[in-house]
């Protein structure tokens, strides 16, 4: 079997981690590598498992995305979508099972299972706080399946569908740029990109994300940025925001991304092989507001 190689790539998430804490960045993109192997060193294995922790809001968002993805896949294949009551029941049952598994920390023996940040770090939450997570998932699902957006998507022929929940990439110079597309539809000369949000507030600065969508569309579908219609649908509030982007805005953000890539690669001893300097070369942030939310705080303090 060919050995996997940790190749350098860029993403909006990677940039956010890099800007938050360099040591966290090392754990998330270098320290965890090969931690899935049975003979992995103990520290590497621990970093790998901690990397996969998700907080309760992330977990809820993941479950909602999974439901929408399955339904849209079924629509494209001509398979009838279940009634929303059944979708909600199935999803909440899955969440209860995952909650029980995470609570007893099954993920330390089976890293692919659900691993919640709150359980790993003993964060005490009331039953009502956990219930709020489930309620938000149900609200998001019921809002989506009752929405005009969903009913509009159902009416599109197969030929209009460009993608659903795809982890995709494009290249900026020689660097692969990763992004996720929740849903892409073609209507005439325009392309509609949908982004499902499950958080409590709508995004404030989408410039980098919009630019990545535009660059991907330019490479993948050979369209101009002005042909994109980007819809951010906040499922918690049943509210959609529409965005567009110009070629000039794309060029501006490209400069930011190139600068970010250079900053990241300045901490590599071999850029071509993506080999970083030693862990100690990635400084720690001492801000407790950041460290208390960090997946790696347990191992960072040792």
Protein backbone atom coordinates (compact mmCIF):
# COMPACT_ATOMS: atom_id res chain seq x y z
CA UNK A 1 0.00 0.00 0.00
CA UNK A 2 1.31 3.46 -0.94
CA UNK A 3 2.13 5.57 2.11
CA UNK A 4 -0.02 8.67 2.47
CA UNK A 5 1.86 11.93 2.15
CA UNK A 6 1.01 15.06 4.11
CA UNK A 7 0.88 17.50 1.20
CA UNK A 8 0.55 21.23 1.72
CA UNK A 9 -2.77 22.84 0.81
CA UNK A 10 -4.66 25.96 1.88
CA UNK A 11 -8.20 26.52 3.13
CA UNK A 12 -10.14 29.22 4.92
CA UNK A 13 -10.27 27.01 8.02
CA UNK A 14 -6.52 26.42 7.93
CA UNK A 15 -5.94 30.16 7.67
CA UNK A 16 -8.21 30.78 10.68
CA UNK A 17 -6.31 28.24 12.81
CA UNK A 18 -2.97 29.71 11.69
CA UNK A 19 -4.12 33.17 12.75
CA UNK A 20 -5.48 31.91 16.09
CA UNK A 21 -2.50 29.97 17.48
CA UNK A 22 0.60 28.57 15.78
CA UNK A 23 0.92 25.65 18.20
CA UNK A 24 -2.71 24.70 17.58
CA UNK A 25 -1.91 24.93 13.87
CA UNK A 26 1.01 22.50 14.28
CA UNK A 27 -1.15 19.99 16.13
CA UNK A 28 -3.99 20.24 13.59
CA UNK A 29 -1.92 19.99 10.40
CA UNK A 30 1.32 18.25 11.33
CA UNK A 31 1.40 16.71 14.79
CA UNK A 32 -1.56 14.40 14.15
CA UNK A 33 -0.16 12.85 10.97
CA UNK A 34 -0.12 9.00 10.98
CA UNK A 35 -1.96 9.00 14.31
CA UNK A 36 -4.48 6.59 12.80
CA UNK A 37 -1.83 3.86 12.43
CA UNK A 38 -1.87 1.00 14.95
CA UNK A 39 1.81 1.49 15.71
CA UNK A 40 1.60 5.28 16.04
CA UNK A 41 3.53 6.83 18.96
CA UNK A 42 1.31 7.57 21.95
CA UNK A 43 1.57 11.34 21.56
CA UNK A 44 0.77 11.24 17.85
CA UNK A 45 -2.21 8.99 18.52
CA UNK A 46 -3.48 11.35 21.20
CA UNK A 47 -3.13 14.40 18.95
CA UNK A 48 -5.03 12.57 16.20
CA UNK A 49 -7.94 11.75 18.51
CA UNK A 50 -8.07 15.26 19.98
CA UNK A 51 -8.07 16.75 16.48
CA UNK A 52 -11.37 14.95 15.81
CA UNK A 53 -13.18 16.46 18.80
CA UNK A 54 -16.14 18.63 17.94
CA UNK A 55 -18.17 20.84 20.23
CA UNK A 56 -21.91 20.41 20.52
CA UNK A 57 -22.70 23.17 18.01
CA UNK A 58 -20.38 21.65 15.41
CA UNK A 59 -21.90 18.23 16.06
CA UNK A 60 -25.41 19.59 15.55
CA UNK A 61 -24.40 21.30 12.32
CA UNK A 62 -22.82 18.10 11.06
CA UNK A 63 -25.99 16.10 11.65
CA UNK A 64 -28.14 18.67 9.85
CA UNK A 65 -25.78 18.72 6.88
CA UNK A 66 -25.85 14.92 6.71
CA UNK A 67 -29.65 14.90 6.51
CA UNK A 68 -29.77 17.55 3.81
CA UNK A 69 -27.04 15.82 1.85
CA UNK A 70 -28.89 12.50 1.91
CA UNK A 71 -32.16 14.09 0.83
CA UNK A 72 -30.59 16.02 -2.05
CA UNK A 73 -28.73 12.93 -3.22
CA UNK A 74 -32.02 11.03 -3.21
CA UNK A 75 -33.76 13.77 -5.20
CA UNK A 76 -31.03 13.63 -7.84
CA UNK A 77 -31.44 9.86 -8.07
CA UNK A 78 -35.21 9.96 -8.19
CA UNK A 79 -35.65 8.42 -4.73
CA UNK A 80 -38.51 9.67 -2.59
CA UNK A 81 -37.47 11.71 0.44
CA UNK A 82 -38.81 10.61 3.81
CA UNK A 83 -41.40 12.78 5.60
CA UNK A 84 -39.77 15.37 7.82
CA UNK A 85 -41.15 13.77 11.00
CA UNK A 86 -39.31 10.55 10.19
CA UNK A 87 -36.12 12.43 9.31
CA UNK A 88 -36.22 14.26 12.65
CA UNK A 89 -36.90 11.05 14.62
CA UNK A 90 -34.09 9.12 12.92
CA UNK A 91 -31.63 11.98 13.37
CA UNK A 92 -32.37 12.53 17.06
CA UNK A 93 -32.12 8.78 17.71
CA UNK A 94 -28.69 8.78 16.05
CA UNK A 95 -27.64 11.73 18.17
CA UNK A 96 -28.71 10.00 21.38
CA UNK A 97 -26.63 6.95 20.46
CA UNK A 98 -23.63 9.11 19.57
CA UNK A 99 -24.03 11.09 22.79
CA UNK A 100 -23.94 7.90 24.89
CA UNK A 101 -20.88 6.65 23.00
CA UNK A 102 -19.04 9.93 23.43
CA UNK A 103 -19.93 10.22 27.11
CA UNK A 104 -18.09 6.99 27.91
CA UNK A 105 -15.25 8.10 25.59
CA UNK A 106 -15.50 5.21 23.17
CA UNK A 107 -13.54 7.36 20.71
CA UNK A 108 -10.28 6.62 22.54
CA UNK A 109 -10.62 2.99 21.42
CA UNK A 110 -12.53 3.68 18.20
CA UNK A 111 -11.36 7.08 16.89
CA UNK A 112 -13.93 7.19 14.09
CA UNK A 113 -16.83 7.37 16.57
CA UNK A 114 -18.40 10.57 17.89
CA UNK A 115 -16.06 12.58 20.13
CA UNK A 116 -17.53 15.61 21.85
CA UNK A 117 -15.32 18.35 23.27
CA UNK A 118 -17.61 18.76 26.28
CA UNK A 119 -17.16 15.12 27.29
CA UNK A 120 -13.39 15.05 26.82
CA UNK A 121 -12.87 18.11 28.99
CA UNK A 122 -15.59 17.43 31.54
CA UNK A 123 -17.63 20.54 30.78
CA UNK A 124 -20.76 20.28 32.89
CA UNK A 125 -23.95 21.07 31.01
CA UNK A 126 -27.51 20.80 32.23
CA UNK A 127 -30.04 18.53 30.58
CA UNK A 128 -31.75 21.66 29.27
CA UNK A 129 -28.54 22.79 27.55
CA UNK A 130 -28.20 19.44 25.79
CA UNK A 131 -31.90 19.56 24.96
CA UNK A 132 -31.30 22.94 23.32
CA UNK A 133 -28.85 21.25 20.93
CA UNK A 134 -31.47 18.70 19.91
CA UNK A 135 -34.13 21.39 19.59
CA UNK A 136 -31.92 23.43 17.29
CA UNK A 137 -31.33 20.41 15.06
CA UNK A 138 -35.06 19.80 14.83
CA UNK A 139 -35.73 23.48 14.10
CA UNK A 140 -33.11 23.55 11.36
CA UNK A 141 -34.47 20.42 9.71
CA UNK A 142 -38.09 21.52 9.83
CA UNK A 143 -37.17 24.94 8.46
CA UNK A 144 -35.20 23.43 5.59
CA UNK A 145 -37.83 20.92 4.47
CA UNK A 146 -40.56 23.59 4.63
CA UNK A 147 -38.50 26.21 2.80
CA UNK A 148 -38.98 27.63 -0.67
CA UNK A 149 -35.32 26.84 -1.30
CA UNK A 150 -35.86 23.11 -0.75
CA UNK A 151 -39.00 23.02 -2.88
CA UNK A 152 -37.17 24.96 -5.58
CA UNK A 153 -34.28 22.50 -5.56
CA UNK A 154 -36.69 19.59 -5.95
CA UNK A 155 -37.99 21.08 -9.20
CA UNK A 156 -34.63 21.11 -10.97
CA UNK A 157 -33.86 18.46 -13.60
CA UNK A 158 -30.79 16.27 -13.11
CA UNK A 159 -28.92 18.23 -15.77
CA UNK A 160 -28.98 21.37 -13.58
CA UNK A 161 -27.27 19.77 -10.58
CA UNK A 162 -23.55 20.50 -10.31
CA UNK A 163 -22.75 19.22 -6.83
CA UNK A 164 -23.98 18.38 -3.32
CA UNK A 165 -21.83 18.46 -0.15
CA UNK A 166 -18.62 18.04 -2.10
CA UNK A 167 -15.14 18.58 -0.71
CA UNK A 168 -13.51 20.16 -3.71
CA UNK A 169 -10.39 22.07 -4.64
CA UNK A 170 -8.84 24.36 -7.21
CA UNK A 171 -5.32 25.63 -7.71
CA UNK A 172 -3.92 29.07 -7.06
CA UNK A 173 -0.51 29.09 -8.71
CA UNK A 174 0.92 25.74 -7.51
CA UNK A 175 -1.08 25.44 -4.28
CA UNK A 176 -4.24 23.39 -3.88
CA UNK A 177 -7.04 25.38 -2.27
CA UNK A 178 -9.67 23.27 -0.49
CA UNK A 179 -13.30 24.19 0.03
CA UNK A 180 -16.69 22.58 0.60
CA UNK A 181 -19.71 23.18 -1.62
CA UNK A 182 -23.04 22.46 0.10
CA UNK A 183 -25.07 22.62 -3.10
CA UNK A 184 -24.50 23.96 -6.63
CA UNK A 185 -27.21 24.41 -9.28
CA UNK A 186 -27.03 25.78 -12.81
CA UNK A 187 -29.86 27.96 -14.10
CA UNK A 188 -29.30 29.25 -17.60
CA UNK A 189 -26.04 31.20 -17.61
CA UNK A 190 -25.97 31.55 -13.82
CA UNK A 191 -24.77 29.23 -11.08
CA UNK A 192 -26.39 29.20 -7.65
CA UNK A 193 -24.25 28.10 -4.71
CA UNK A 194 -26.03 27.30 -1.44
CA UNK A 195 -24.37 27.40 1.97
CA UNK A 196 -26.32 25.93 4.91
CA UNK A 197 -25.70 27.58 8.29
CA UNK A 198 -26.91 26.22 11.63
CA UNK A 199 -25.33 28.74 14.00
CA UNK A 200 -27.04 31.43 15.98
CA UNK A 201 -25.81 34.31 13.83
CA UNK A 202 -25.23 34.92 10.18
CA UNK A 203 -21.68 35.29 8.94
CA UNK A 204 -20.23 38.79 9.01
CA UNK A 205 -17.20 38.61 6.70
CA UNK A 206 -17.65 36.20 3.82
CA UNK A 207 -15.12 37.80 1.47
CA UNK A 208 -12.58 34.95 1.55
CA UNK A 209 -15.26 32.28 1.28
CA UNK A 210 -16.95 34.08 -1.62
CA UNK A 211 -13.63 34.47 -3.40
CA UNK A 212 -12.88 30.76 -3.04
CA UNK A 213 -16.29 29.90 -4.46
CA UNK A 214 -15.65 32.22 -7.40
CA UNK A 215 -12.16 30.87 -8.12
CA UNK A 216 -13.46 27.32 -7.95
CA UNK A 217 -16.31 28.12 -10.34
CA UNK A 218 -13.91 29.83 -12.73
CA UNK A 219 -11.66 26.74 -12.84
CA UNK A 220 -14.35 24.05 -12.66
CA UNK A 221 -17.18 25.48 -14.77
CA UNK A 222 -15.37 28.23 -16.72
CA UNK A 223 -17.74 31.00 -15.64
CA UNK A 224 -17.15 34.61 -14.65
CA UNK A 225 -17.53 35.58 -10.96
CA UNK A 226 -20.41 37.86 -11.91
CA UNK A 227 -22.39 34.76 -12.99
CA UNK A 228 -22.44 33.39 -9.43
CA UNK A 229 -25.37 33.80 -7.07
CA UNK A 230 -24.39 32.73 -3.55
CA UNK A 231 -27.13 32.05 -1.01
CA UNK A 232 -26.32 31.64 2.67
CA UNK A 233 -29.34 30.05 4.31
CA UNK A 234 -29.40 30.19 8.10
CA UNK A 235 -31.58 27.27 9.09
CA UNK A 236 -31.93 28.28 12.73
CA UNK A 237 -33.63 31.54 11.78
CA UNK A 238 -35.11 30.47 8.43
CA UNK A 239 -33.35 33.42 6.85
CA UNK A 240 -31.40 33.64 3.61
CA UNK A 241 -28.80 36.19 2.53
CA UNK A 242 -27.81 36.62 -1.11
CA UNK A 243 -24.31 37.60 -2.21
CA UNK A 244 -22.48 38.31 -5.43
CA UNK A 245 -18.83 38.96 -6.18
CA UNK A 246 -16.93 40.87 -8.85
CA UNK A 247 -13.73 40.02 -10.66
CA UNK A 248 -12.00 42.91 -8.87
CA UNK A 249 -12.96 41.54 -5.45
CA UNK A 250 -11.62 38.14 -6.43
CA UNK A 251 -8.26 39.64 -7.38
CA UNK A 252 -8.05 41.46 -4.04
CA UNK A 253 -8.66 38.30 -2.01
CA UNK A 254 -6.24 36.29 -4.14
CA UNK A 255 -3.52 38.57 -2.84
CA UNK A 256 -4.53 37.81 0.76
CA UNK A 257 -4.50 34.06 0.13
CA UNK A 258 -1.06 34.20 -1.51
CA UNK A 259 0.27 36.11 1.50
CA UNK A 260 -1.24 33.59 3.90
CA UNK A 261 0.38 30.73 1.99
CA UNK A 262 3.79 32.41 2.18
CA UNK A 263 3.38 32.94 5.94
CA UNK A 264 2.52 29.26 6.47
CA UNK A 265 5.38 28.06 4.30
CA UNK A 266 7.85 30.25 6.20
CA UNK A 267 7.56 27.66 8.98
CA UNK A 268 8.62 24.80 6.70
CA UNK A 269 12.17 23.55 6.42
CA UNK A 270 11.30 21.81 3.14
CA UNK A 271 8.50 23.52 1.25
CA UNK A 272 8.35 20.90 -1.49
CA UNK A 273 7.87 18.06 1.01
CA UNK A 274 5.76 20.08 3.50
CA UNK A 275 8.16 19.38 6.37
CA UNK A 276 7.75 21.85 9.24
CA UNK A 277 10.24 23.14 11.77
CA UNK A 278 10.13 21.43 15.17
CA UNK A 279 7.02 21.77 17.33
CA UNK A 280 8.73 24.36 19.54
CA UNK A 281 9.04 26.63 16.51
CA UNK A 282 5.28 27.12 16.58
CA UNK A 283 4.58 29.54 19.40
CA UNK A 284 1.76 29.17 21.90
CA UNK A 285 -0.94 31.73 22.52
CA UNK A 286 -1.38 32.40 26.22
CA UNK A 287 -4.87 33.89 25.89
CA UNK A 288 -7.09 31.71 28.10
CA UNK A 289 -10.15 32.52 25.99
CA UNK A 290 -8.45 30.69 23.13
CA UNK A 291 -6.84 27.86 25.10
CA UNK A 292 -10.10 26.92 26.84
CA UNK A 293 -11.72 26.31 23.45
CA UNK A 294 -8.75 24.45 21.98
CA UNK A 295 -9.05 20.71 21.27
CA UNK A 296 -5.37 20.22 22.11
CA UNK A 297 -5.20 22.01 25.45
CA UNK A 298 -4.67 18.71 27.31
CA UNK A 299 -1.54 17.79 25.41
CA UNK A 300 -0.33 21.36 24.91
CA UNK A 301 0.11 21.79 28.64
CA UNK A 302 2.19 18.66 29.11
